[in-house]
Amino acid sequence: MKKFTLNILTIILLCSCDNSRWETINGNGINDDPKTIDNVIYFENENNGLVGGYTLVKDKNAKTEDGFVLVPTLFLTNDCGKNWKEVKFDPNLRASVDNAYLHGDTLICQLDSLILFSTDKGNRFQTINNSLKRNKIVDHYFKANIYNIKDHDFLFNEKKYYIKERYQNDIAIVIVCYGEKTLTDYYFVSFDKGNTWTFLQDLFGDNRARYLFEDKFLYCYAFPFGLQRLKLK
């Protein structure tokens, strides 16, 4: 299964080379141990960002059949993916990082119903236990810029597509569509609230988390190869 996944990611990267708007940034600091860190991605500017999810580890006290448990996994970069630093969570935590937010030294993470708040980029965390405050943090900081859409028709150059996902902020909208080729995602961008669209790229389909930064890039991460970003202009 691992070999199959690596082959698929290799195809993705090969499709991201010649005549492509995708750029792959090979970085240091993330080891090759099996992990899922394409569940969460956030960038506060072109350089400062994070990727995360979980790592499966063996635990003799695990109540699962295979003896593996999820532990939260998160990496930070301040040079657009050239180098990464791992955030050290409490080793007793058993959950995936579901959402994360970064601004300066402030780092906020959501693990299931648990909210962790740090003012020093994760060196020390405090747990937000108050349910009202926790809900306000979720609503304010983890307001998704992704909208899942099921089979919404989209017509471009007289060809019919079906919208799979939409990423939106105040200055750009990116949609990811199904089209005539199977296992293929088609990317389109609009800078005028959807009145006109530009075709960006088609690419082997995947379900990685993506993050739309202003009107410049759509970011995602391909473990273990590196950060990828789609140029929007």
C-alpha atoms as a PDB file:
ATOM      1  CA  MET A   1       0.000   0.000   0.000  1.00  0.00           C
ATOM      2  CA  LYS A   2       2.840   2.385   0.862  1.00  0.00           C
ATOM      3  CA  LYS A   3       4.517   1.632  -2.482  1.00  0.00           C
ATOM      4  CA  PHE A   4       1.248   2.308  -4.304  1.00  0.00           C
ATOM      5  CA  THR A   5       0.849   5.641  -2.508  1.00  0.00           C
ATOM      6  CA  LEU A   6       4.396   6.661  -3.397  1.00  0.00           C
ATOM      7  CA  ASN A   7       3.781   5.735  -7.039  1.00  0.00           C
ATOM      8  CA  ILE A   8       0.656   7.894  -7.110  1.00  0.00           C
ATOM      9  CA  LEU A   9       2.514  10.826  -5.571  1.00  0.00           C
ATOM     10  CA  THR A  10       5.322  10.352  -8.071  1.00  0.00           C
ATOM     11  CA  ILE A  11       2.751  10.677 -10.855  1.00  0.00           C
ATOM     12  CA  ILE A  12       1.469  13.861  -9.228  1.00  0.00           C
ATOM     13  CA  LEU A  13       4.956  15.334  -9.116  1.00  0.00           C
ATOM     14  CA  LEU A  14       5.769  14.285 -12.665  1.00  0.00           C
ATOM     15  CA  CYS A  15       2.624  16.047 -13.786  1.00  0.00           C
ATOM     16  CA  SER A  16       3.798  19.117 -11.916  1.00  0.00           C
ATOM     17  CA  CYS A  17       6.976  19.722 -13.884  1.00  0.00           C
ATOM     18  CA  ASP A  18       7.069  20.784 -17.525  1.00  0.00           C
ATOM     19  CA  ASN A  19       4.499  23.296 -18.752  1.00  0.00           C
ATOM     20  CA  SER A  20       2.923  23.449 -15.306  1.00  0.00           C
ATOM     21  CA  ARG A  21       1.930  26.192 -12.920  1.00  0.00           C
ATOM     22  CA  TRP A  22       2.695  23.870 -10.005  1.00  0.00           C
ATOM     23  CA  GLU A  23       5.939  24.366  -8.126  1.00  0.00           C
ATOM     24  CA  THR A  24       7.335  21.716  -5.773  1.00  0.00           C
ATOM     25  CA  ILE A  25       9.618  22.837  -2.955  1.00  0.00           C
ATOM     26  CA  ASN A  26      11.715  20.012  -1.514  1.00  0.00           C
ATOM     27  CA  GLY A  27      12.322  20.748   2.152  1.00  0.00           C
ATOM     28  CA  ASN A  28      14.304  19.559   5.152  1.00  0.00           C
ATOM     29  CA  GLY A  29      13.117  18.641   8.616  1.00  0.00           C
ATOM     30  CA  ILE A  30      10.329  16.145   7.896  1.00  0.00           C
ATOM     31  CA  ASN A  31      11.527  12.550   8.189  1.00  0.00           C
ATOM     32  CA  ASP A  32      10.355   9.655   6.024  1.00  0.00           C
ATOM     33  CA  ASP A  33       8.475   7.814   8.765  1.00  0.00           C
ATOM     34  CA  PRO A  34       4.926   6.981   7.582  1.00  0.00           C
ATOM     35  CA  LYS A  35       2.582   9.814   8.460  1.00  0.00           C
ATOM     36  CA  THR A  36      -0.431  11.705   7.167  1.00  0.00           C
ATOM     37  CA  ILE A  37       0.348  15.423   7.160  1.00  0.00           C
ATOM     38  CA  ASP A  38      -1.822  16.510   4.259  1.00  0.00           C
ATOM     39  CA  ASN A  39      -4.980  16.866   6.386  1.00  0.00           C
ATOM     40  CA  VAL A  40      -4.258  20.429   7.506  1.00  0.00           C
ATOM     41  CA  ILE A  41      -2.501  23.309   5.792  1.00  0.00           C
ATOM     42  CA  TYR A  42      -2.424  27.025   6.582  1.00  0.00           C
ATOM     43  CA  PHE A  43      -0.230  29.919   5.420  1.00  0.00           C
ATOM     44  CA  GLU A  44      -0.318  33.368   7.022  1.00  0.00           C
ATOM     45  CA  ASN A  45       1.918  34.771   4.274  1.00  0.00           C
ATOM     46  CA  GLU A  46       3.974  33.378   1.395  1.00  0.00           C
ATOM     47  CA  ASN A  47       6.644  31.994   3.743  1.00  0.00           C
ATOM     48  CA  ASN A  48       5.099  31.234   7.134  1.00  0.00           C
ATOM     49  CA  GLY A  49       2.851  28.220   7.238  1.00  0.00           C
ATOM     50  CA  LEU A  50       2.104  24.784   8.620  1.00  0.00           C
ATOM     51  CA  VAL A  51       1.074  21.291   7.552  1.00  0.00           C
ATOM     52  CA  GLY A  52      -0.249  18.555   9.774  1.00  0.00           C
ATOM     53  CA  GLY A  53      -2.420  15.614  10.593  1.00  0.00           C
ATOM     54  CA  TYR A  54      -1.327  12.485  12.424  1.00  0.00           C
ATOM     55  CA  THR A  55       1.216   9.689  12.706  1.00  0.00           C
ATOM     56  CA  LEU A  56       0.323   6.077  13.465  1.00  0.00           C
ATOM     57  CA  VAL A  57       2.394   4.696  16.332  1.00  0.00           C
ATOM     58  CA  LYS A  58       2.412   1.349  18.094  1.00  0.00           C
ATOM     59  CA  ASP A  59       1.067   1.478  21.630  1.00  0.00           C
ATOM     60  CA  LYS A  60       0.915  -1.587  23.864  1.00  0.00           C
ATOM     61  CA  ASN A  61      -1.974   0.001  25.754  1.00  0.00           C
ATOM     62  CA  ALA A  62      -3.969   0.716  22.593  1.00  0.00           C
ATOM     63  CA  LYS A  63      -7.535  -0.565  22.496  1.00  0.00           C
ATOM     64  CA  THR A  64      -7.454  -0.915  18.719  1.00  0.00           C
ATOM     65  CA  GLU A  65      -7.188  -4.316  17.017  1.00  0.00           C
ATOM     66  CA  ASP A  66      -3.857  -3.573  15.351  1.00  0.00           C
ATOM     67  CA  GLY A  67      -2.330  -1.858  18.375  1.00  0.00           C
ATOM     68  CA  PHE A  68      -1.777   1.456  16.582  1.00  0.00           C
ATOM     69  CA  VAL A  69      -2.963   4.860  17.763  1.00  0.00           C
ATOM     70  CA  LEU A  70      -3.108   8.334  16.231  1.00  0.00           C
ATOM     71  CA  VAL A  71      -0.758  10.978  17.588  1.00  0.00           C
ATOM     72  CA  PRO A  72      -0.993  14.631  16.492  1.00  0.00           C
ATOM     73  CA  THR A  73       1.651  15.737  14.009  1.00  0.00           C
ATOM     74  CA  LEU A  74       2.376  19.299  12.914  1.00  0.00           C
ATOM     75  CA  PHE A  75       5.276  21.030  11.159  1.00  0.00           C
ATOM     76  CA  LEU A  76       5.993  24.756  10.787  1.00  0.00           C
ATOM     77  CA  THR A  77       7.984  26.568   8.103  1.00  0.00           C
ATOM     78  CA  ASN A  78       9.142  30.185   7.836  1.00  0.00           C
ATOM     79  CA  ASP A  79      10.810  29.900   4.418  1.00  0.00           C
ATOM     80  CA  CYS A  80       8.022  28.509   2.230  1.00  0.00           C
ATOM     81  CA  GLY A  81       8.755  24.839   2.823  1.00  0.00           C
ATOM     82  CA  LYS A  82      12.533  24.807   2.463  1.00  0.00           C
ATOM     83  CA  ASN A  83      12.876  23.925   6.150  1.00  0.00           C
ATOM     84  CA  TRP A  84      10.370  22.530   8.654  1.00  0.00           C
ATOM     85  CA  LYS A  85      10.266  22.375  12.447  1.00  0.00           C
ATOM     86  CA  GLU A  86       8.104  19.795  14.227  1.00  0.00           C
ATOM     87  CA  VAL A  87       5.748  20.906  16.992  1.00  0.00           C
ATOM     88  CA  LYS A  88       6.130  18.768  20.121  1.00  0.00           C
ATOM     89  CA  PHE A  89       2.754  17.788  21.567  1.00  0.00           C
ATOM     90  CA  ASP A  90       2.038  16.091  24.865  1.00  0.00           C
ATOM     91  CA  PRO A  91       3.034  12.438  24.192  1.00  0.00           C
ATOM     92  CA  ASN A  92      -0.184  11.265  25.855  1.00  0.00           C
ATOM     93  CA  LEU A  93      -2.420  12.918  23.244  1.00  0.00           C
ATOM     94  CA  ARG A  94      -4.216  10.459  20.957  1.00  0.00           C
ATOM     95  CA  ALA A  95      -5.833  12.367  18.100  1.00  0.00           C
ATOM     96  CA  SER A  96      -5.184  13.947  14.732  1.00  0.00           C
ATOM     97  CA  VAL A  97      -4.741  17.665  14.168  1.00  0.00           C
ATOM     98  CA  ASP A  98      -8.039  18.659  12.545  1.00  0.00           C
ATOM     99  CA  ASN A  99      -7.413  22.398  12.199  1.00  0.00           C
ATOM    100  CA  ALA A 100      -4.542  24.782  12.870  1.00  0.00           C
ATOM    101  CA  TYR A 101      -3.974  28.543  12.720  1.00  0.00           C
ATOM    102  CA  LEU A 102      -0.710  30.492  12.731  1.00  0.00           C
ATOM    103  CA  HIS A 103      -0.076  34.209  13.162  1.00  0.00           C
ATOM    104  CA  GLY A 104       3.338  35.392  14.300  1.00  0.00           C
ATOM    105  CA  ASP A 105       4.128  33.385  17.415  1.00  0.00           C
ATOM    106  CA  THR A 106       0.483  32.458  17.998  1.00  0.00           C
ATOM    107  CA  LEU A 107      -0.418  28.873  17.163  1.00  0.00           C
ATOM    108  CA  ILE A 108      -3.886  27.376  17.709  1.00  0.00           C
ATOM    109  CA  CYS A 109      -4.673  23.712  17.107  1.00  0.00           C
ATOM    110  CA  GLN A 110      -7.901  21.714  17.188  1.00  0.00           C
ATOM    111  CA  LEU A 111      -7.724  18.000  18.023  1.00  0.00           C
ATOM    112  CA  ASP A 112     -11.263  16.611  18.017  1.00  0.00           C
ATOM    113  CA  SER A 113     -13.002  18.743  20.677  1.00  0.00           C
ATOM    114  CA  LEU A 114      -9.703  19.832  22.243  1.00  0.00           C
ATOM    115  CA  ILE A 115      -8.346  23.334  21.577  1.00  0.00           C
ATOM    116  CA  LEU A 116      -4.656  24.030  22.246  1.00  0.00           C
ATOM    117  CA  PHE A 117      -3.417  27.622  22.349  1.00  0.00           C
ATOM    118  CA  SER A 118       0.245  28.725  22.229  1.00  0.00           C
ATOM    119  CA  THR A 119       1.935  32.130  22.158  1.00  0.00           C
ATOM    120  CA  ASP A 120       5.390  30.722  21.349  1.00  0.00           C
ATOM    121  CA  LYS A 121       4.758  28.612  18.241  1.00  0.00           C
ATOM    122  CA  GLY A 122       3.963  25.459  20.142  1.00  0.00           C
ATOM    123  CA  ASN A 123       6.787  25.340  22.670  1.00  0.00           C
ATOM    124  CA  ARG A 124       4.117  25.534  25.385  1.00  0.00           C
ATOM    125  CA  PHE A 125       0.385  24.983  25.015  1.00  0.00           C
ATOM    126  CA  GLN A 126      -2.548  25.830  27.198  1.00  0.00           C
ATOM    127  CA  THR A 127      -5.808  23.920  26.868  1.00  0.00           C
ATOM    128  CA  ILE A 128      -9.013  25.873  26.297  1.00  0.00           C
ATOM    129  CA  ASN A 129     -11.616  24.095  28.427  1.00  0.00           C
ATOM    130  CA  ASN A 130     -14.392  26.679  28.454  1.00  0.00           C
ATOM    131  CA  SER A 131     -16.918  25.422  25.877  1.00  0.00           C
ATOM    132  CA  LEU A 132     -18.168  28.915  24.945  1.00  0.00           C
ATOM    133  CA  LYS A 133     -14.642  30.231  24.405  1.00  0.00           C
ATOM    134  CA  ARG A 134     -13.719  27.041  22.522  1.00  0.00           C
ATOM    135  CA  ASN A 135     -16.650  27.456  20.139  1.00  0.00           C
ATOM    136  CA  LYS A 136     -15.782  31.105  19.521  1.00  0.00           C
ATOM    137  CA  ILE A 137     -12.196  30.149  18.662  1.00  0.00           C
ATOM    138  CA  VAL A 138     -13.394  27.473  16.225  1.00  0.00           C
ATOM    139  CA  ASP A 139     -15.809  29.876  14.537  1.00  0.00           C
ATOM    140  CA  HIS A 140     -13.262  32.689  14.292  1.00  0.00           C
ATOM    141  CA  TYR A 141      -9.951  31.006  13.503  1.00  0.00           C
ATOM    142  CA  PHE A 142     -10.977  27.843  11.706  1.00  0.00           C
ATOM    143  CA  LYS A 143     -13.458  29.361   9.326  1.00  0.00           C
ATOM    144  CA  ALA A 144     -12.721  27.232   6.291  1.00  0.00           C
ATOM    145  CA  ASN A 145     -11.842  28.732   2.925  1.00  0.00           C
ATOM    146  CA  ILE A 146     -12.899  25.423   1.358  1.00  0.00           C
ATOM    147  CA  TYR A 147     -16.439  24.511   0.399  1.00  0.00           C
ATOM    148  CA  ASN A 148     -17.220  20.938  -0.630  1.00  0.00           C
ATOM    149  CA  ILE A 149     -19.605  20.837  -3.570  1.00  0.00           C
ATOM    150  CA  LYS A 150     -21.164  17.719  -5.027  1.00  0.00           C
ATOM    151  CA  ASP A 151     -21.608  17.550  -8.814  1.00  0.00           C
ATOM    152  CA  HIS A 152     -22.446  21.211  -9.385  1.00  0.00           C
ATOM    153  CA  ASP A 153     -22.357  21.877 -13.140  1.00  0.00           C
ATOM    154  CA  PHE A 154     -19.685  24.182 -14.530  1.00  0.00           C
ATOM    155  CA  LEU A 155     -19.351  25.088 -18.221  1.00  0.00           C
ATOM    156  CA  PHE A 156     -16.053  26.303 -19.682  1.00  0.00           C
ATOM    157  CA  ASN A 157     -15.311  26.689 -23.402  1.00  0.00           C
ATOM    158  CA  GLU A 158     -18.462  24.656 -24.115  1.00  0.00           C
ATOM    159  CA  LYS A 159     -17.144  21.733 -22.073  1.00  0.00           C
ATOM    160  CA  LYS A 160     -19.083  20.485 -19.076  1.00  0.00           C
ATOM    161  CA  TYR A 161     -17.398  19.949 -15.691  1.00  0.00           C
ATOM    162  CA  TYR A 162     -18.640  19.119 -12.212  1.00  0.00           C
ATOM    163  CA  ILE A 163     -17.356  21.160  -9.290  1.00  0.00           C
ATOM    164  CA  LYS A 164     -15.766  19.088  -6.543  1.00  0.00           C
ATOM    165  CA  GLU A 165     -14.422  21.826  -4.233  1.00  0.00           C
ATOM    166  CA  ARG A 166     -14.297  25.595  -4.048  1.00  0.00           C
ATOM    167  CA  TYR A 167     -11.615  27.668  -2.294  1.00  0.00           C
ATOM    168  CA  GLN A 168     -12.514  31.291  -1.744  1.00  0.00           C
ATOM    169  CA  ASN A 169     -11.276  34.489  -0.124  1.00  0.00           C
ATOM    170  CA  ASP A 170     -12.001  38.164  -0.713  1.00  0.00           C
ATOM    171  CA  ILE A 171      -9.910  38.441  -3.888  1.00  0.00           C
ATOM    172  CA  ALA A 172      -9.976  35.041  -5.616  1.00  0.00           C
ATOM    173  CA  ILE A 173     -11.971  31.854  -6.091  1.00  0.00           C
ATOM    174  CA  VAL A 174     -10.427  28.544  -7.146  1.00  0.00           C
ATOM    175  CA  ILE A 175     -12.609  25.610  -8.104  1.00  0.00           C
ATOM    176  CA  VAL A 176     -11.509  21.997  -8.491  1.00  0.00           C
ATOM    177  CA  CYS A 177     -13.626  20.027 -10.954  1.00  0.00           C
ATOM    178  CA  TYR A 178     -14.221  16.591 -12.406  1.00  0.00           C
ATOM    179  CA  GLY A 179     -14.174  16.418 -16.194  1.00  0.00           C
ATOM    180  CA  GLU A 180     -13.906  14.199 -19.243  1.00  0.00           C
ATOM    181  CA  LYS A 181     -10.830  12.284 -18.012  1.00  0.00           C
ATOM    182  CA  THR A 182     -11.231   9.957 -15.037  1.00  0.00           C
ATOM    183  CA  LEU A 183      -9.047  10.371 -11.920  1.00  0.00           C
ATOM    184  CA  THR A 184      -8.259  13.914 -13.021  1.00  0.00           C
ATOM    185  CA  ASP A 185      -8.861  17.241 -11.275  1.00  0.00           C
ATOM    186  CA  TYR A 186      -9.289  20.443 -13.297  1.00  0.00           C
ATOM    187  CA  TYR A 187      -8.385  23.757 -11.662  1.00  0.00           C
ATOM    188  CA  PHE A 188      -9.985  27.110 -12.566  1.00  0.00           C
ATOM    189  CA  VAL A 189      -9.570  30.567 -11.030  1.00  0.00           C
ATOM    190  CA  SER A 190     -11.675  33.730 -10.976  1.00  0.00           C
ATOM    191  CA  PHE A 191     -10.598  37.169  -9.770  1.00  0.00           C
ATOM    192  CA  ASP A 192     -13.982  38.863 -10.259  1.00  0.00           C
ATOM    193  CA  LYS A 193     -16.245  36.824  -7.952  1.00  0.00           C
ATOM    194  CA  GLY A 194     -16.975  34.155 -10.555  1.00  0.00           C
ATOM    195  CA  ASN A 195     -17.991  36.333 -13.490  1.00  0.00           C
ATOM    196  CA  THR A 196     -15.049  35.164 -15.618  1.00  0.00           C
ATOM    197  CA  TRP A 197     -12.827  32.104 -15.230  1.00  0.00           C
ATOM    198  CA  THR A 198      -9.323  31.073 -16.311  1.00  0.00           C
ATOM    199  CA  PHE A 199      -8.224  27.445 -16.701  1.00  0.00           C
ATOM    200  CA  LEU A 200      -5.117  26.751 -14.607  1.00  0.00           C
ATOM    201  CA  GLN A 201      -4.166  23.089 -14.756  1.00  0.00           C
ATOM    202  CA  ASP A 202      -5.358  19.515 -14.911  1.00  0.00           C
ATOM    203  CA  LEU A 203      -3.743  17.036 -12.579  1.00  0.00           C
ATOM    204  CA  PHE A 204      -4.123  13.499 -11.240  1.00  0.00           C
ATOM    205  CA  GLY A 205      -6.894  13.728  -8.623  1.00  0.00           C
ATOM    206  CA  ASP A 206      -6.199  13.583  -4.898  1.00  0.00           C
ATOM    207  CA  ASN A 207      -7.843  14.513  -1.599  1.00  0.00           C
ATOM    208  CA  ARG A 208      -5.098  16.516   0.047  1.00  0.00           C
ATOM    209  CA  ALA A 209      -6.002  19.621   2.019  1.00  0.00           C
ATOM    210  CA  ARG A 210      -5.327  22.839   0.106  1.00  0.00           C
ATOM    211  CA  TYR A 211      -5.061  26.459   1.167  1.00  0.00           C
ATOM    212  CA  LEU A 212      -5.813  29.493  -0.990  1.00  0.00           C
ATOM    213  CA  PHE A 213      -3.448  32.376  -0.251  1.00  0.00           C
ATOM    214  CA  GLU A 214      -4.730  35.757  -1.451  1.00  0.00           C
ATOM    215  CA  ASP A 215      -4.774  35.757  -5.278  1.00  0.00           C
ATOM    216  CA  LYS A 216      -1.304  34.241  -5.609  1.00  0.00           C
ATOM    217  CA  PHE A 217      -1.116  30.533  -4.764  1.00  0.00           C
ATOM    218  CA  LEU A 218      -3.071  27.438  -3.899  1.00  0.00           C
ATOM    219  CA  TYR A 219      -0.878  25.519  -1.424  1.00  0.00           C
ATOM    220  CA  CYS A 220      -0.825  21.775  -0.663  1.00  0.00           C
ATOM    221  CA  TYR A 221       1.684  19.259   0.650  1.00  0.00           C
ATOM    222  CA  ALA A 222       2.788  15.963  -0.919  1.00  0.00           C
ATOM    223  CA  PHE A 223       4.516  13.763   1.657  1.00  0.00           C
ATOM    224  CA  PRO A 224       7.365  12.892   1.459  1.00  0.00           C
ATOM    225  CA  PHE A 225       8.253  15.070  -1.544  1.00  0.00           C
ATOM    226  CA  GLY A 226       7.521  18.562  -0.302  1.00  0.00           C
ATOM    227  CA  LEU A 227       5.334  21.620  -0.451  1.00  0.00           C
ATOM    228  CA  GLN A 228       3.494  22.332  -3.697  1.00  0.00           C
ATOM    229  CA  ARG A 229       1.906  25.570  -4.777  1.00  0.00           C
ATOM    230  CA  LEU A 230      -0.174  26.407  -7.819  1.00  0.00           C
ATOM    231  CA  LYS A 231       0.505  29.850  -9.289  1.00  0.00           C
ATOM    232  CA  LEU A 232      -2.778  31.627  -9.919  1.00  0.00           C
ATOM    233  CA  LYS A 233      -1.442  34.363 -12.212  1.00  0.00           C
END
